């Protein structure tokens, strides 16, 4: 179910061009990769989740390159700035839901995963009650 919601979100046709769509996909993928990596590595379930979500949008090679780029990146703040500039509150809430989905994919929420998701939610200007409502979907 989460896969269908995720794919619906990224297949919306409200993006001006193919280039913008690719940027949008890479932006969200990089956030998911950050969450997947926060506990020290990207395990097979997390990688398969990301691959499944973006199978029609990113080649495996592009995804591997994005994982390497994300690893080399010291900050995700630029991504958050782009999200804030181009996404509605509802879209931001959907992004937050997907971040929690990747964090919970291994069956538990690591404290570091939760901290970074809370930080991202705060940077996206989401209210604490909105974040808690989404987090509770996975409890």
N, C-alpha and C. Protein backbone atom coordinates (compact mmCIF):
# COMPACT_ATOMS: atom_id res chain seq x y z
N UNK A 1 0.82 -1.20 0.00
CA UNK A 1 0.00 0.00 0.00
C UNK A 1 0.86 1.26 0.00
N UNK A 2 1.88 1.29 0.83
CA UNK A 2 2.74 2.46 0.87
C UNK A 2 3.41 2.69 -0.49
N UNK A 3 3.76 1.59 -1.19
CA UNK A 3 4.37 1.73 -2.51
C UNK A 3 3.42 2.41 -3.48
N UNK A 4 2.15 2.02 -3.47
CA UNK A 4 1.17 2.62 -4.38
C UNK A 4 1.00 4.10 -4.10
N UNK A 5 0.90 4.48 -2.83
CA UNK A 5 0.76 5.90 -2.47
C UNK A 5 1.99 6.68 -2.91
N UNK A 6 3.15 6.08 -2.68
CA UNK A 6 4.40 6.74 -3.03
C UNK A 6 4.48 6.96 -4.53
N UNK A 7 4.19 5.93 -5.30
CA UNK A 7 4.24 6.05 -6.75
C UNK A 7 3.23 7.06 -7.27
N UNK A 8 2.04 7.08 -6.71
CA UNK A 8 1.03 8.05 -7.11
C UNK A 8 1.54 9.47 -6.89
N UNK A 9 2.18 9.67 -5.76
CA UNK A 9 2.71 10.98 -5.42
C UNK A 9 3.72 11.45 -6.45
N UNK A 10 4.64 10.57 -6.86
CA UNK A 10 5.69 10.97 -7.78
C UNK A 10 5.29 10.90 -9.23
N UNK A 11 4.16 10.34 -9.53
CA UNK A 11 3.70 10.29 -10.91
C UNK A 11 2.70 11.39 -11.23
N UNK A 12 2.47 12.31 -10.28
CA UNK A 12 1.56 13.43 -10.55
C UNK A 12 2.09 14.24 -11.72
N UNK A 13 1.19 14.74 -12.52
CA UNK A 13 1.58 15.47 -13.73
C UNK A 13 1.56 16.98 -13.53
N UNK A 14 1.91 17.44 -12.34
CA UNK A 14 1.90 18.89 -12.10
C UNK A 14 3.30 19.48 -12.19
N UNK A 15 4.21 18.80 -12.85
CA UNK A 15 5.58 19.27 -12.98
C UNK A 15 5.77 19.79 -14.39
N UNK A 16 6.45 20.93 -14.50
CA UNK A 16 6.54 21.64 -15.76
C UNK A 16 7.30 20.91 -16.87
N UNK A 17 8.32 20.18 -16.54
CA UNK A 17 9.10 19.54 -17.59
C UNK A 17 9.72 18.25 -17.10
N UNK A 18 10.22 17.47 -18.04
CA UNK A 18 10.91 16.21 -17.73
C UNK A 18 12.12 16.48 -16.85
N UNK A 19 12.86 17.54 -17.13
CA UNK A 19 14.05 17.88 -16.35
C UNK A 19 13.66 18.18 -14.90
N UNK A 20 12.60 18.97 -14.72
CA UNK A 20 12.13 19.27 -13.37
C UNK A 20 11.70 18.01 -12.66
N UNK A 21 11.04 17.10 -13.37
CA UNK A 21 10.59 15.84 -12.79
C UNK A 21 11.78 15.02 -12.31
N UNK A 22 12.84 14.93 -13.14
CA UNK A 22 14.04 14.19 -12.77
C UNK A 22 14.67 14.80 -11.52
N UNK A 23 14.74 16.11 -11.48
CA UNK A 23 15.29 16.79 -10.30
C UNK A 23 14.45 16.48 -9.07
N UNK A 24 13.14 16.53 -9.21
CA UNK A 24 12.22 16.25 -8.12
C UNK A 24 12.43 14.82 -7.60
N UNK A 25 12.54 13.89 -8.49
CA UNK A 25 12.73 12.49 -8.11
C UNK A 25 14.06 12.31 -7.38
N UNK A 26 15.12 12.90 -7.91
CA UNK A 26 16.43 12.78 -7.26
C UNK A 26 16.45 13.46 -5.90
N UNK A 27 15.75 14.56 -5.79
CA UNK A 27 15.65 15.28 -4.53
C UNK A 27 15.04 14.40 -3.44
N UNK A 28 13.90 13.79 -3.74
CA UNK A 28 13.21 12.95 -2.76
C UNK A 28 14.00 11.66 -2.53
N UNK A 29 14.56 11.09 -3.57
CA UNK A 29 15.37 9.88 -3.41
C UNK A 29 16.55 10.13 -2.49
N UNK A 30 17.17 11.29 -2.61
CA UNK A 30 18.33 11.58 -1.76
C UNK A 30 17.92 11.69 -0.29
N UNK A 31 16.74 12.23 -0.02
CA UNK A 31 16.27 12.27 1.38
C UNK A 31 16.02 10.87 1.91
N UNK A 32 15.41 10.03 1.09
CA UNK A 32 15.18 8.64 1.50
C UNK A 32 16.50 7.92 1.76
N UNK A 33 17.47 8.18 0.92
CA UNK A 33 18.78 7.56 1.09
C UNK A 33 19.42 8.03 2.39
N UNK A 34 19.28 9.31 2.71
CA UNK A 34 19.82 9.84 3.97
C UNK A 34 19.22 9.10 5.17
N UNK A 35 17.91 8.88 5.14
CA UNK A 35 17.25 8.18 6.25
C UNK A 35 17.71 6.73 6.29
N UNK A 36 17.79 6.09 5.15
CA UNK A 36 18.21 4.69 5.10
C UNK A 36 19.64 4.53 5.63
N UNK A 37 20.48 5.48 5.39
CA UNK A 37 21.89 5.41 5.75
C UNK A 37 22.17 5.82 7.20
N UNK A 38 21.26 6.49 7.85
CA UNK A 38 21.52 7.11 9.14
C UNK A 38 21.97 6.12 10.22
N UNK A 39 21.55 4.86 10.12
CA UNK A 39 21.97 3.87 11.12
C UNK A 39 23.28 3.19 10.74
N UNK A 40 24.00 3.75 9.79
CA UNK A 40 25.33 3.26 9.46
C UNK A 40 25.46 2.64 8.08
N UNK A 41 24.39 2.07 7.56
CA UNK A 41 24.44 1.49 6.22
C UNK A 41 23.03 1.38 5.66
N UNK A 42 22.97 1.13 4.36
CA UNK A 42 21.69 0.90 3.71
C UNK A 42 21.54 -0.61 3.60
N UNK A 43 20.57 -1.16 4.35
CA UNK A 43 20.40 -2.62 4.29
C UNK A 43 19.58 -3.00 3.06
N UNK A 44 19.51 -4.27 2.80
CA UNK A 44 18.89 -4.77 1.56
C UNK A 44 17.42 -4.39 1.47
N UNK A 45 16.69 -4.42 2.59
CA UNK A 45 15.27 -4.03 2.55
C UNK A 45 15.11 -2.57 2.17
N UNK A 46 15.95 -1.72 2.72
CA UNK A 46 15.88 -0.30 2.41
C UNK A 46 16.23 -0.04 0.95
N UNK A 47 17.27 -0.70 0.47
CA UNK A 47 17.67 -0.52 -0.92
C UNK A 47 16.57 -1.02 -1.87
N UNK A 48 15.98 -2.16 -1.56
CA UNK A 48 14.91 -2.69 -2.41
C UNK A 48 13.70 -1.77 -2.40
N UNK A 49 13.39 -1.19 -1.24
CA UNK A 49 12.27 -0.23 -1.13
C UNK A 49 12.52 0.96 -2.05
N UNK A 50 13.72 1.52 -1.97
CA UNK A 50 14.05 2.68 -2.80
C UNK A 50 14.05 2.30 -4.29
N UNK A 51 14.62 1.15 -4.61
CA UNK A 51 14.65 0.70 -6.00
C UNK A 51 13.24 0.49 -6.55
N UNK A 52 12.36 -0.10 -5.74
CA UNK A 52 10.99 -0.36 -6.19
C UNK A 52 10.25 0.95 -6.44
N UNK A 53 10.43 1.90 -5.55
CA UNK A 53 9.75 3.18 -5.70
C UNK A 53 10.16 3.89 -6.98
N UNK A 54 11.44 3.86 -7.27
CA UNK A 54 11.97 4.63 -8.39
C UNK A 54 12.31 3.79 -9.61
N UNK A 55 11.80 2.55 -9.68
CA UNK A 55 12.17 1.65 -10.78
C UNK A 55 11.79 2.21 -12.15
N UNK A 56 10.74 2.99 -12.24
CA UNK A 56 10.33 3.56 -13.53
C UNK A 56 10.92 4.94 -13.77
N UNK A 57 11.64 5.47 -12.76
CA UNK A 57 12.14 6.83 -12.85
C UNK A 57 13.66 6.93 -12.89
N UNK A 58 14.33 6.00 -12.23
CA UNK A 58 15.79 6.02 -12.15
C UNK A 58 16.33 4.64 -12.51
N UNK A 59 17.36 4.62 -13.33
CA UNK A 59 18.01 3.34 -13.60
C UNK A 59 18.76 2.90 -12.35
N UNK A 60 19.08 1.63 -12.27
CA UNK A 60 19.84 1.13 -11.12
C UNK A 60 21.18 1.87 -11.03
N UNK A 61 21.82 2.11 -12.17
CA UNK A 61 23.09 2.84 -12.20
C UNK A 61 22.91 4.26 -11.66
N UNK A 62 21.84 4.93 -12.07
CA UNK A 62 21.58 6.29 -11.57
C UNK A 62 21.35 6.28 -10.07
N UNK A 63 20.63 5.27 -9.60
CA UNK A 63 20.36 5.16 -8.17
C UNK A 63 21.66 4.93 -7.39
N UNK A 64 22.52 4.06 -7.90
CA UNK A 64 23.80 3.80 -7.24
C UNK A 64 24.64 5.08 -7.22
N UNK A 65 24.65 5.82 -8.32
CA UNK A 65 25.37 7.10 -8.35
C UNK A 65 24.78 8.09 -7.35
N UNK A 66 23.48 8.11 -7.24
CA UNK A 66 22.82 9.00 -6.28
C UNK A 66 23.17 8.61 -4.85
N UNK A 67 23.23 7.32 -4.58
CA UNK A 67 23.64 6.85 -3.25
C UNK A 67 25.06 7.33 -2.94
N UNK A 68 25.96 7.22 -3.91
CA UNK A 68 27.33 7.70 -3.72
C UNK A 68 27.36 9.21 -3.51
N UNK A 69 26.61 9.94 -4.33
CA UNK A 69 26.57 11.40 -4.19
C UNK A 69 26.01 11.81 -2.83
N UNK A 70 24.97 11.13 -2.40
CA UNK A 70 24.35 11.43 -1.13
C UNK A 70 25.33 11.15 0.00
N UNK A 71 26.12 10.08 -0.14
CA UNK A 71 27.12 9.73 0.86
C UNK A 71 28.18 10.83 0.95
N UNK A 72 28.53 11.40 -0.17
CA UNK A 72 29.55 12.44 -0.21
C UNK A 72 29.01 13.80 0.23
N UNK A 73 27.72 13.95 0.23
CA UNK A 73 27.10 15.22 0.59
C UNK A 73 27.12 15.42 2.10
N UNK A 74 27.41 16.62 2.51
CA UNK A 74 27.47 16.90 3.95
C UNK A 74 26.17 17.48 4.48
N UNK A 75 25.23 17.78 3.60
CA UNK A 75 24.03 18.44 4.07
C UNK A 75 22.84 18.17 3.14
N UNK A 76 21.69 18.03 3.75
CA UNK A 76 20.47 17.87 2.96
C UNK A 76 19.65 19.16 2.98
N UNK A 77 20.20 20.23 3.54
CA UNK A 77 19.46 21.49 3.66
C UNK A 77 19.05 22.06 2.31
N UNK A 78 19.89 21.90 1.30
CA UNK A 78 19.53 22.39 -0.04
C UNK A 78 18.26 21.68 -0.53
N UNK A 79 18.17 20.38 -0.27
CA UNK A 79 16.98 19.64 -0.68
C UNK A 79 15.74 20.17 0.03
N UNK A 80 15.87 20.46 1.30
CA UNK A 80 14.73 20.98 2.07
C UNK A 80 14.32 22.34 1.53
N UNK A 81 15.29 23.16 1.19
CA UNK A 81 14.98 24.48 0.61
C UNK A 81 14.16 24.33 -0.67
N UNK A 82 14.56 23.39 -1.52
CA UNK A 82 13.83 23.13 -2.76
C UNK A 82 12.42 22.61 -2.47
N UNK A 83 12.31 21.73 -1.52
CA UNK A 83 10.99 21.20 -1.14
C UNK A 83 10.10 22.33 -0.65
N UNK A 84 10.62 23.17 0.21
CA UNK A 84 9.83 24.29 0.74
C UNK A 84 9.40 25.24 -0.36
N UNK A 85 10.24 25.41 -1.36
CA UNK A 85 9.92 26.34 -2.45
C UNK A 85 8.89 25.78 -3.42
N UNK A 86 8.81 24.44 -3.54
CA UNK A 86 8.01 23.87 -4.62
C UNK A 86 6.92 22.89 -4.20
N UNK A 87 6.81 22.60 -2.93
CA UNK A 87 5.84 21.59 -2.48
C UNK A 87 4.80 22.21 -1.55
N UNK A 88 3.59 21.71 -1.68
CA UNK A 88 2.50 22.14 -0.79
C UNK A 88 2.64 21.43 0.56
N UNK A 89 1.87 21.86 1.53
CA UNK A 89 1.87 21.20 2.84
C UNK A 89 1.49 19.73 2.69
N UNK A 90 0.48 19.44 1.90
CA UNK A 90 0.07 18.04 1.70
C UNK A 90 1.19 17.21 1.09
N UNK A 91 1.91 17.77 0.13
CA UNK A 91 3.03 17.05 -0.47
C UNK A 91 4.16 16.84 0.53
N UNK A 92 4.40 17.84 1.37
CA UNK A 92 5.42 17.70 2.41
C UNK A 92 5.03 16.61 3.41
N UNK A 93 3.74 16.53 3.73
CA UNK A 93 3.28 15.48 4.64
C UNK A 93 3.46 14.10 4.01
N UNK A 94 3.23 14.01 2.71
CA UNK A 94 3.46 12.74 2.02
C UNK A 94 4.94 12.37 2.03
N UNK A 95 5.80 13.35 1.83
CA UNK A 95 7.24 13.10 1.89
C UNK A 95 7.61 12.59 3.28
N UNK A 96 7.07 13.24 4.31
CA UNK A 96 7.34 12.81 5.69
C UNK A 96 6.87 11.38 5.92
N UNK A 97 5.72 11.03 5.37
CA UNK A 97 5.22 9.66 5.50
C UNK A 97 6.19 8.66 4.86
N UNK A 98 6.75 9.01 3.73
CA UNK A 98 7.69 8.12 3.05
C UNK A 98 9.01 8.02 3.81
N UNK A 99 9.40 9.10 4.45
CA UNK A 99 10.61 9.05 5.27
C UNK A 99 10.42 8.09 6.45
N UNK A 100 9.25 8.17 7.08
CA UNK A 100 8.97 7.22 8.17
C UNK A 100 8.88 5.79 7.64
N UNK A 101 8.31 5.61 6.45
CA UNK A 101 8.20 4.27 5.88
C UNK A 101 9.57 3.64 5.69
N UNK A 102 10.52 4.40 5.16
CA UNK A 102 11.86 3.85 4.97
C UNK A 102 12.53 3.60 6.31
N UNK A 103 12.28 4.45 7.28
CA UNK A 103 12.89 4.27 8.61
C UNK A 103 12.35 3.03 9.30
N UNK A 104 11.07 2.75 9.13
CA UNK A 104 10.43 1.60 9.79
C UNK A 104 10.53 0.30 8.99
N UNK A 105 11.14 0.34 7.83
CA UNK A 105 11.13 -0.84 6.96
C UNK A 105 11.79 -2.05 7.61
N UNK A 106 12.73 -1.80 8.50
CA UNK A 106 13.40 -2.91 9.20
C UNK A 106 12.68 -3.31 10.47
N UNK A 107 11.51 -2.74 10.72
CA UNK A 107 10.69 -3.13 11.86
C UNK A 107 10.80 -2.24 13.07
N UNK A 108 11.76 -1.33 13.08
CA UNK A 108 11.89 -0.43 14.23
C UNK A 108 12.42 0.93 13.77
N UNK A 109 12.19 1.91 14.60
CA UNK A 109 12.65 3.26 14.32
C UNK A 109 13.87 3.54 15.19
N UNK A 110 15.02 3.64 14.55
CA UNK A 110 16.26 3.97 15.24
C UNK A 110 16.17 5.41 15.76
N UNK A 111 16.73 5.66 16.93
CA UNK A 111 16.67 7.00 17.52
C UNK A 111 17.28 8.05 16.60
N UNK A 112 18.35 7.69 15.90
CA UNK A 112 18.98 8.64 14.97
C UNK A 112 18.11 8.90 13.75
N UNK A 113 17.41 7.86 13.30
CA UNK A 113 16.46 8.05 12.19
C UNK A 113 15.35 9.01 12.61
N UNK A 114 14.83 8.80 13.81
CA UNK A 114 13.77 9.67 14.30
C UNK A 114 14.24 11.11 14.43
N UNK A 115 15.43 11.31 14.96
CA UNK A 115 15.97 12.68 15.12
C UNK A 115 16.08 13.39 13.78
N UNK A 116 16.59 12.70 12.78
CA UNK A 116 16.78 13.34 11.48
C UNK A 116 15.43 13.60 10.81
N UNK A 117 14.49 12.70 10.98
CA UNK A 117 13.15 12.92 10.41
C UNK A 117 12.48 14.10 11.09
N UNK A 118 12.61 14.20 12.40
CA UNK A 118 12.06 15.35 13.12
C UNK A 118 12.70 16.65 12.65
N UNK A 119 14.00 16.60 12.42
CA UNK A 119 14.70 17.78 11.93
C UNK A 119 14.20 18.16 10.54
N UNK A 120 14.03 17.18 9.68
CA UNK A 120 13.52 17.44 8.33
C UNK A 120 12.11 18.02 8.41
N UNK A 121 11.26 17.43 9.25
CA UNK A 121 9.89 17.93 9.40
C UNK A 121 9.89 19.39 9.86
N UNK A 122 10.76 19.69 10.81
CA UNK A 122 10.87 21.06 11.31
C UNK A 122 11.35 22.00 10.20
N UNK A 123 12.34 21.57 9.45
CA UNK A 123 12.86 22.40 8.36
C UNK A 123 11.83 22.59 7.24
N UNK A 124 10.93 21.63 7.09
CA UNK A 124 9.86 21.76 6.09
C UNK A 124 8.69 22.56 6.65
N UNK A 125 8.88 23.11 7.85
CA UNK A 125 7.86 23.96 8.50
C UNK A 125 6.57 23.21 8.81
N UNK A 126 6.70 21.93 9.15
CA UNK A 126 5.54 21.14 9.54
C UNK A 126 5.36 21.24 11.06
N UNK A 127 4.12 21.19 11.48
CA UNK A 127 3.81 21.27 12.90
C UNK A 127 4.05 19.93 13.58
N UNK A 128 4.37 20.00 14.86
CA UNK A 128 4.68 18.79 15.61
C UNK A 128 3.51 17.80 15.59
N UNK A 129 2.28 18.31 15.72
CA UNK A 129 1.13 17.39 15.71
C UNK A 129 0.97 16.70 14.35
N UNK A 130 1.34 17.37 13.26
CA UNK A 130 1.30 16.74 11.94
C UNK A 130 2.32 15.60 11.86
N UNK A 131 3.51 15.88 12.37
CA UNK A 131 4.57 14.87 12.37
C UNK A 131 4.18 13.68 13.23
N UNK A 132 3.63 13.92 14.41
CA UNK A 132 3.24 12.83 15.31
C UNK A 132 2.11 11.99 14.71
N UNK A 133 1.18 12.64 14.03
CA UNK A 133 0.08 11.91 13.39
C UNK A 133 0.63 10.93 12.36
N UNK A 134 1.59 11.37 11.58
CA UNK A 134 2.17 10.49 10.57
C UNK A 134 3.02 9.41 11.20
N UNK A 135 3.80 9.76 12.20
CA UNK A 135 4.61 8.76 12.89
C UNK A 135 3.72 7.65 13.47
N UNK A 136 2.58 8.04 14.02
CA UNK A 136 1.66 7.06 14.63
C UNK A 136 1.04 6.10 13.62
N UNK A 137 1.09 6.43 12.34
CA UNK A 137 0.62 5.49 11.31
C UNK A 137 1.47 4.22 11.30
N UNK A 138 2.69 4.31 11.79
CA UNK A 138 3.63 3.19 11.74
C UNK A 138 3.79 2.48 13.07
N UNK A 139 3.18 2.98 14.13
CA UNK A 139 3.28 2.36 15.46
C UNK A 139 2.25 1.26 15.63
